[in-house]
Protein backbone atom coordinates (compact mmCIF):
# COMPACT_ATOMS: atom_id res chain seq x y z
CA MET A 1 7.29 -30.62 -24.45
CA VAL A 2 9.96 -29.96 -21.81
CA GLU A 3 8.69 -28.50 -18.58
CA GLY A 4 10.30 -26.84 -15.57
CA GLU A 5 8.80 -25.26 -12.49
CA GLU A 6 8.11 -21.91 -14.16
CA PHE A 7 8.64 -22.79 -17.82
CA ARG A 8 7.15 -24.85 -20.60
CA LEU A 9 9.15 -25.39 -23.79
CA PHE A 10 7.68 -26.79 -27.01
CA VAL A 11 10.65 -27.86 -29.11
CA LEU A 12 11.30 -29.65 -32.37
CA SER A 13 14.17 -31.58 -30.80
CA THR A 14 15.26 -32.13 -27.20
CA LYS A 15 18.94 -32.05 -28.16
CA GLY A 16 20.73 -29.48 -25.95
CA ILE A 17 17.47 -28.26 -24.49
CA GLU A 18 18.25 -29.07 -20.84
CA ARG A 19 21.09 -26.55 -20.96
CA THR A 20 18.74 -24.03 -22.55
CA LEU A 21 16.20 -24.58 -19.78
CA ASP A 22 18.89 -24.00 -17.15
CA LEU A 23 20.03 -20.75 -18.82
CA LEU A 24 16.41 -19.61 -19.17
CA ARG A 25 15.88 -20.24 -15.46
CA ARG A 26 19.03 -18.31 -14.55
CA ALA A 27 18.02 -15.34 -16.71
CA TYR A 28 14.53 -15.39 -15.21
CA GLU A 29 15.92 -15.39 -11.66
CA PHE A 30 18.29 -12.54 -12.52
CA TYR A 31 15.57 -10.36 -14.03
CA SER A 32 13.31 -11.18 -11.07
CA SER A 33 16.02 -10.16 -8.62
CA ILE A 34 16.19 -6.62 -10.02
CA LEU A 35 12.64 -6.08 -11.31
CA GLY A 36 10.37 -8.30 -9.23
CA LYS A 37 9.18 -11.83 -9.86
CA LYS A 38 6.56 -12.76 -12.43
CA THR A 39 4.47 -15.71 -11.28
CA ALA A 40 2.78 -16.91 -14.46
CA LYS A 41 4.07 -19.96 -16.33
CA TYR A 42 6.31 -18.84 -19.22
CA THR A 43 6.14 -20.70 -22.54
CA VAL A 44 8.86 -20.90 -25.19
CA ILE A 45 8.00 -22.28 -28.61
CA GLU A 46 10.78 -23.33 -31.00
CA THR A 47 10.24 -22.13 -34.56
CA PRO A 48 11.95 -23.25 -37.76
CA GLU A 49 14.97 -21.23 -38.86
CA ASN A 50 14.49 -17.77 -40.39
CA TYR A 51 11.04 -17.30 -38.86
CA GLY A 52 12.36 -14.60 -36.52
CA GLY A 53 11.53 -14.16 -32.85
CA GLN A 54 8.54 -12.74 -31.08
CA ALA A 55 7.39 -12.18 -27.53
CA GLY A 56 3.79 -12.06 -26.35
CA LYS A 57 2.04 -12.12 -23.00
CA GLY A 58 3.75 -15.00 -21.22
CA TYR A 59 5.31 -16.62 -24.28
CA ALA A 60 8.12 -16.32 -26.81
CA LEU A 61 8.79 -17.75 -30.27
CA VAL A 62 12.51 -18.46 -30.76
CA SER A 63 14.38 -20.34 -33.49
CA GLY A 64 16.16 -23.57 -32.68
CA SER A 65 19.64 -22.23 -33.32
CA SER A 66 18.94 -19.25 -31.06
CA LEU A 67 17.75 -21.56 -28.28
CA ARG A 68 20.90 -23.68 -28.43
CA ARG A 69 23.60 -21.04 -28.86
CA GLU A 70 26.43 -20.87 -26.35
CA ILE A 71 25.00 -17.50 -25.33
CA PRO A 72 21.28 -17.53 -26.26
CA ALA A 73 20.92 -13.73 -26.43
CA ASN A 74 17.69 -13.89 -28.43
CA LEU A 75 16.10 -16.03 -25.73
CA TYR A 76 17.20 -13.60 -23.01
CA HIS A 77 15.84 -10.72 -25.09
CA GLU A 78 12.40 -12.25 -25.59
CA LEU A 79 12.21 -13.23 -21.91
CA ALA A 80 13.06 -9.64 -20.90
CA HIS A 81 9.87 -8.47 -22.62
CA LEU A 82 7.96 -10.10 -19.77
CA TRP A 83 8.89 -6.99 -17.76
CA ASN A 84 7.99 -4.43 -20.44
CA PRO A 85 6.83 -1.13 -18.91
CA ARG A 86 3.28 -0.03 -19.76
CA VAL A 87 3.58 2.92 -22.14
CA THR A 88 1.36 5.37 -23.98
CA PRO A 89 0.60 4.57 -27.64
CA GLU A 90 2.65 7.57 -28.79
CA ALA A 91 5.69 6.58 -26.71
CA HIS A 92 5.42 3.01 -27.98
CA LEU A 93 6.10 4.15 -31.55
CA SER A 94 9.79 4.69 -30.77
CA ARG A 95 10.06 1.19 -29.22
CA PHE A 96 12.48 2.58 -26.62
CA PHE A 97 10.53 1.19 -23.68
CA ASP A 98 10.36 -2.33 -25.04
CA GLU A 99 13.26 -3.00 -27.44
CA ALA A 100 15.95 -0.77 -25.88
CA PHE A 101 14.83 -1.95 -22.46
CA ALA A 102 14.89 -5.65 -23.47
CA ASN A 103 18.21 -5.38 -25.29
CA TYR A 104 19.99 -3.79 -22.34
CA LEU A 105 18.47 -6.31 -19.95
CA THR A 106 19.85 -8.95 -22.32
CA ALA A 107 23.31 -7.42 -21.93
CA LEU A 108 22.96 -7.50 -18.14
CA ALA A 109 21.83 -11.13 -18.19
CA ILE A 110 24.82 -12.00 -20.36
CA ARG A 111 27.15 -10.38 -17.84
CA GLU A 112 25.46 -12.15 -14.93
CA ILE A 113 25.50 -15.60 -16.55
CA HIS A 114 28.43 -15.56 -18.99
CA GLY A 115 30.80 -12.95 -17.59
CA GLU A 116 32.23 -9.50 -18.24
CA GLU A 117 34.00 -10.37 -21.49
CA ALA A 118 30.78 -11.64 -23.06
CA PHE A 119 28.97 -8.51 -21.83
CA ASN A 120 31.59 -6.20 -23.36
CA SER A 121 31.43 -8.12 -26.64
CA PHE A 122 27.64 -7.71 -26.76
CA ILE A 123 27.91 -3.96 -26.11
CA GLU A 124 30.59 -3.57 -28.77
CA ASN A 125 28.36 -5.36 -31.28
CA LEU A 126 25.62 -2.85 -30.48
CA ARG A 127 28.07 0.00 -31.11
CA ARG A 128 29.14 -1.48 -34.45
CA ASP A 129 25.53 -2.01 -35.53
CA TYR A 130 24.69 1.58 -34.56
CA GLU A 131 27.70 2.93 -36.45
CA ALA A 132 26.58 0.96 -39.50
CA VAL A 133 23.20 2.71 -39.31
CA LEU A 134 24.93 6.10 -39.05
CA GLY A 135 26.94 5.23 -42.14
CA ARG A 136 23.67 5.06 -44.09
CA PHE A 137 21.66 7.66 -42.19
CA PRO A 138 23.99 10.14 -40.44
CA GLU A 139 21.02 12.35 -39.55
CA ALA A 140 19.90 9.67 -37.06
CA GLU A 141 22.57 10.80 -34.59
CA LYS A 142 20.79 14.13 -34.05
CA LEU A 143 17.41 12.61 -33.25
CA LYS A 144 16.02 12.23 -29.74
CA PRO A 145 14.55 8.83 -28.81
CA SER A 146 11.13 10.46 -28.55
CA GLU A 147 11.42 11.35 -32.27
CA TRP A 148 12.45 7.92 -33.55
CA GLY A 149 8.96 6.50 -34.01
CA LYS A 150 7.42 9.45 -35.83
CA LEU A 151 10.34 9.57 -38.29
CA GLY A 152 10.57 5.82 -38.87
CA PHE A 153 13.83 5.26 -36.99
CA TRP A 154 12.38 2.97 -34.31
CA LYS A 155 15.01 0.29 -35.03
CA LEU A 156 17.51 2.60 -33.30
CA SER A 157 16.02 1.37 -30.04
CA TYR A 158 17.80 -1.97 -30.46
CA THR A 159 21.20 -0.29 -30.70
CA ARG A 160 21.34 3.39 -29.73
CA GLY A 161 18.50 2.96 -27.24
CA ALA A 162 20.27 0.13 -25.42
CA LEU A 163 23.53 2.13 -25.48
CA ILE A 164 21.76 5.11 -23.90
CA LEU A 165 20.68 2.84 -21.04
CA HIS A 166 24.23 1.48 -20.80
CA ASP A 167 25.64 5.01 -20.54
CA LEU A 168 23.07 5.86 -17.90
CA HIS A 169 23.98 2.74 -15.95
CA GLN A 170 27.67 3.66 -16.04
CA LYS A 171 26.90 7.12 -14.67
CA LEU A 172 24.53 5.98 -11.91
CA GLY A 173 25.76 2.60 -10.75
CA GLU A 174 23.28 0.80 -8.49
CA ASP A 175 20.79 3.68 -8.69
CA PHE A 176 20.16 2.62 -12.27
CA TYR A 177 18.19 -0.39 -11.03
CA GLU A 178 15.86 1.90 -9.12
CA ILE A 179 15.10 3.67 -12.40
CA LEU A 180 14.30 0.32 -14.05
CA ARG A 181 12.01 -0.68 -11.19
CA ARG A 182 10.13 2.62 -11.35
CA MET A 183 9.76 2.24 -15.11
CA VAL A 184 8.32 -1.26 -14.74
CA ASN A 185 5.96 -0.20 -11.97
CA SER A 186 4.68 2.99 -13.64
CA THR A 187 0.98 2.95 -14.41
CA THR A 188 1.66 4.54 -17.80
CA LEU A 189 5.09 5.56 -19.04
CA ASP A 190 6.13 8.08 -21.67
CA PHE A 191 9.29 10.09 -22.28
CA GLU A 192 8.30 12.87 -19.91
CA ARG A 193 7.64 10.38 -17.13
CA PHE A 194 10.94 8.63 -17.92
CA LYS A 195 12.77 11.98 -17.73
CA ALA A 196 11.13 12.71 -14.37
CA ILE A 197 12.11 9.30 -12.98
CA VAL A 198 15.75 9.63 -14.06
CA GLU A 199 16.05 13.17 -12.72
CA ASP A 200 14.37 12.27 -9.42
CA VAL A 201 16.63 9.25 -8.81
CA SER A 202 19.88 10.68 -10.15
CA GLY A 203 19.71 14.46 -9.93
CA LEU A 204 20.83 14.55 -13.58
CA VAL A 205 19.11 16.72 -16.17
CA ILE A 206 18.44 14.73 -19.34
CA ASP A 207 16.98 15.48 -22.75
CA VAL A 208 14.87 12.74 -24.31
């Protein structure tokens, strides 16, 4: 076990883990600066390779290689779930408010910690992955995020969903963070509430 002030890591090896702990702390402080601080101790558990990742209430399961990468995007992603908005069961089906949200927060953490070039590379990878999906399922481009879950396209949240948030951020600048804060602090969020938040903050009319 490796422990910091706000973190507890259970790892199979301590090799390289001090750097991981420092990056985890920096990502946590960044997310806290824009979304509000979470006070509970956060636990990261290293899993064997190919077990995948998972986030729960106050913990994450992350593979060893993901923990020790130069840019541990998977770790940033699972940590971002700590700020998941509370959503209705129907809205949750599309996974927009957890996976798109976490993936774009990951991109922002990468920019904050590793720089603009790393951020742009992450965004371009999302675009390539989304284009690969369209190559197999071109009809996905016509779907609204609110339709993804019912039609089984919820994985679009990782790519197209994060890109929608990126586009919104580019249009709104600093006001975008106010939208994120309102999402996080909503008692219960769905697509109609999200639309109302965006339109109230930005004056834009959106279709979700």
